[in-house]
């Protein structure tokens, strides 16, 4: 994803503050309908395009006690709020 760790944490707090969000050093845990989603952040990197430098972080998701419908609903909301504009 095109986020630094700081940007990602800030966006996560805005998006999931009402959903049992528990921030961690390496990501966050979010309560989802009797289960939880564990989000872990990979190393922060930089993508270079000519003189432009963009932050990049790999995001890992683990779903615990979350069925397929709940997972799809979570990912739909996540993708909606974390989508970056562009052409």
C-alpha atoms as a PDB file:
ATOM      1  CA  UNK A   1       0.000   0.000   0.000  1.00  0.00           C
ATOM      2  CA  UNK A   2       1.138   3.546  -0.674  1.00  0.00           C
ATOM      3  CA  UNK A   3       1.352   4.560   2.996  1.00  0.00           C
ATOM      4  CA  UNK A   4       4.067   5.145   5.548  1.00  0.00           C
ATOM      5  CA  UNK A   5       3.487   3.407   8.878  1.00  0.00           C
ATOM      6  CA  UNK A   6       2.480   6.724  10.446  1.00  0.00           C
ATOM      7  CA  UNK A   7      -0.041   7.508   7.681  1.00  0.00           C
ATOM      8  CA  UNK A   8      -1.506   4.017   7.855  1.00  0.00           C
ATOM      9  CA  UNK A   9      -1.946   4.110  11.643  1.00  0.00           C
ATOM     10  CA  UNK A  10      -3.611   7.524  11.452  1.00  0.00           C
ATOM     11  CA  UNK A  11      -6.039   6.347   8.752  1.00  0.00           C
ATOM     12  CA  UNK A  12      -6.758   3.127  10.648  1.00  0.00           C
ATOM     13  CA  UNK A  13      -7.628   5.055  13.803  1.00  0.00           C
ATOM     14  CA  UNK A  14     -10.024   7.319  11.886  1.00  0.00           C
ATOM     15  CA  UNK A  15     -11.673   4.408  10.089  1.00  0.00           C
ATOM     16  CA  UNK A  16     -12.034   1.887  12.929  1.00  0.00           C
ATOM     17  CA  UNK A  17     -12.175   3.976  16.123  1.00  0.00           C
ATOM     18  CA  UNK A  18     -15.740   2.734  16.698  1.00  0.00           C
ATOM     19  CA  UNK A  19     -14.920  -0.944  16.047  1.00  0.00           C
ATOM     20  CA  UNK A  20     -12.864  -2.198  18.974  1.00  0.00           C
ATOM     21  CA  UNK A  21      -9.538  -1.083  17.529  1.00  0.00           C
ATOM     22  CA  UNK A  22      -6.442  -2.055  19.487  1.00  0.00           C
ATOM     23  CA  UNK A  23      -3.240  -0.491  18.125  1.00  0.00           C
ATOM     24  CA  UNK A  24       0.036  -2.437  18.317  1.00  0.00           C
ATOM     25  CA  UNK A  25       3.643  -1.591  17.581  1.00  0.00           C
ATOM     26  CA  UNK A  26       3.530  -3.768  14.453  1.00  0.00           C
ATOM     27  CA  UNK A  27      -0.067  -3.074  13.372  1.00  0.00           C
ATOM     28  CA  UNK A  28      -3.498  -3.404  14.961  1.00  0.00           C
ATOM     29  CA  UNK A  29      -6.245  -5.800  16.016  1.00  0.00           C
ATOM     30  CA  UNK A  30      -9.880  -5.010  15.188  1.00  0.00           C
ATOM     31  CA  UNK A  31     -12.902  -6.723  16.740  1.00  0.00           C
ATOM     32  CA  UNK A  32     -15.264  -8.082  14.079  1.00  0.00           C
ATOM     33  CA  UNK A  33     -18.539  -9.851  14.998  1.00  0.00           C
ATOM     34  CA  UNK A  34     -17.195 -12.186  17.676  1.00  0.00           C
ATOM     35  CA  UNK A  35     -13.790 -12.560  16.018  1.00  0.00           C
ATOM     36  CA  UNK A  36     -10.960 -10.299  15.090  1.00  0.00           C
ATOM     37  CA  UNK A  37      -8.851  -9.081  12.221  1.00  0.00           C
ATOM     38  CA  UNK A  38      -5.132  -8.864  12.894  1.00  0.00           C
ATOM     39  CA  UNK A  39      -3.321  -6.368  10.684  1.00  0.00           C
ATOM     40  CA  UNK A  40       0.465  -6.458  10.606  1.00  0.00           C
ATOM     41  CA  UNK A  41       2.744  -3.980   8.877  1.00  0.00           C
ATOM     42  CA  UNK A  42       5.702  -5.100   6.808  1.00  0.00           C
ATOM     43  CA  UNK A  43       8.826  -2.981   6.531  1.00  0.00           C
ATOM     44  CA  UNK A  44       8.380   0.560   5.308  1.00  0.00           C
ATOM     45  CA  UNK A  45       9.972   1.087   1.896  1.00  0.00           C
ATOM     46  CA  UNK A  46      10.182   3.796  -0.735  1.00  0.00           C
ATOM     47  CA  UNK A  47       9.019   3.474  -4.355  1.00  0.00           C
ATOM     48  CA  UNK A  48      10.950   5.749  -6.687  1.00  0.00           C
ATOM     49  CA  UNK A  49       9.505   6.950  -9.978  1.00  0.00           C
ATOM     50  CA  UNK A  50      12.037   9.296 -11.563  1.00  0.00           C
ATOM     51  CA  UNK A  51      12.480  12.004  -8.886  1.00  0.00           C
ATOM     52  CA  UNK A  52       9.255  11.143  -7.073  1.00  0.00           C
ATOM     53  CA  UNK A  53       9.510   9.094  -3.861  1.00  0.00           C
ATOM     54  CA  UNK A  54       6.399   7.379  -2.470  1.00  0.00           C
ATOM     55  CA  UNK A  55       6.085   5.403   0.770  1.00  0.00           C
ATOM     56  CA  UNK A  56       5.157   1.726   0.472  1.00  0.00           C
ATOM     57  CA  UNK A  57       4.169  -0.712   3.220  1.00  0.00           C
ATOM     58  CA  UNK A  58       3.091  -4.320   2.800  1.00  0.00           C
ATOM     59  CA  UNK A  59      -0.004  -5.059   4.891  1.00  0.00           C
ATOM     60  CA  UNK A  60      -0.790  -8.580   6.201  1.00  0.00           C
ATOM     61  CA  UNK A  61      -4.293  -9.626   7.295  1.00  0.00           C
ATOM     62  CA  UNK A  62      -5.203 -12.575   9.515  1.00  0.00           C
ATOM     63  CA  UNK A  63      -8.858 -13.307  10.216  1.00  0.00           C
ATOM     64  CA  UNK A  64      -9.664 -15.195  13.428  1.00  0.00           C
ATOM     65  CA  UNK A  65     -13.173 -16.604  13.979  1.00  0.00           C
ATOM     66  CA  UNK A  66     -14.531 -14.513  11.072  1.00  0.00           C
ATOM     67  CA  UNK A  67     -16.683 -16.186   8.418  1.00  0.00           C
ATOM     68  CA  UNK A  68     -16.439 -15.497   4.682  1.00  0.00           C
ATOM     69  CA  UNK A  69     -19.301 -12.960   4.638  1.00  0.00           C
ATOM     70  CA  UNK A  70     -17.820 -10.996   7.565  1.00  0.00           C
ATOM     71  CA  UNK A  71     -14.411 -11.076   5.928  1.00  0.00           C
ATOM     72  CA  UNK A  72     -15.817  -9.745   2.640  1.00  0.00           C
ATOM     73  CA  UNK A  73     -17.681  -6.981   4.476  1.00  0.00           C
ATOM     74  CA  UNK A  74     -14.540  -5.992   6.404  1.00  0.00           C
ATOM     75  CA  UNK A  75     -12.390  -5.928   3.248  1.00  0.00           C
ATOM     76  CA  UNK A  76     -14.998  -3.919   1.339  1.00  0.00           C
ATOM     77  CA  UNK A  77     -15.006  -1.218   4.040  1.00  0.00           C
ATOM     78  CA  UNK A  78     -11.200  -1.337   4.315  1.00  0.00           C
ATOM     79  CA  UNK A  79     -10.713  -0.934   0.575  1.00  0.00           C
ATOM     80  CA  UNK A  80     -13.243   1.891   0.416  1.00  0.00           C
ATOM     81  CA  UNK A  81     -11.547   3.920   3.171  1.00  0.00           C
ATOM     82  CA  UNK A  82      -7.962   3.168   2.147  1.00  0.00           C
ATOM     83  CA  UNK A  83      -8.346   3.717  -1.579  1.00  0.00           C
ATOM     84  CA  UNK A  84      -5.976   6.344  -2.917  1.00  0.00           C
ATOM     85  CA  UNK A  85      -7.019   8.604  -5.772  1.00  0.00           C
ATOM     86  CA  UNK A  86      -5.344   8.444  -9.103  1.00  0.00           C
ATOM     87  CA  UNK A  87      -5.910   8.198 -12.801  1.00  0.00           C
END
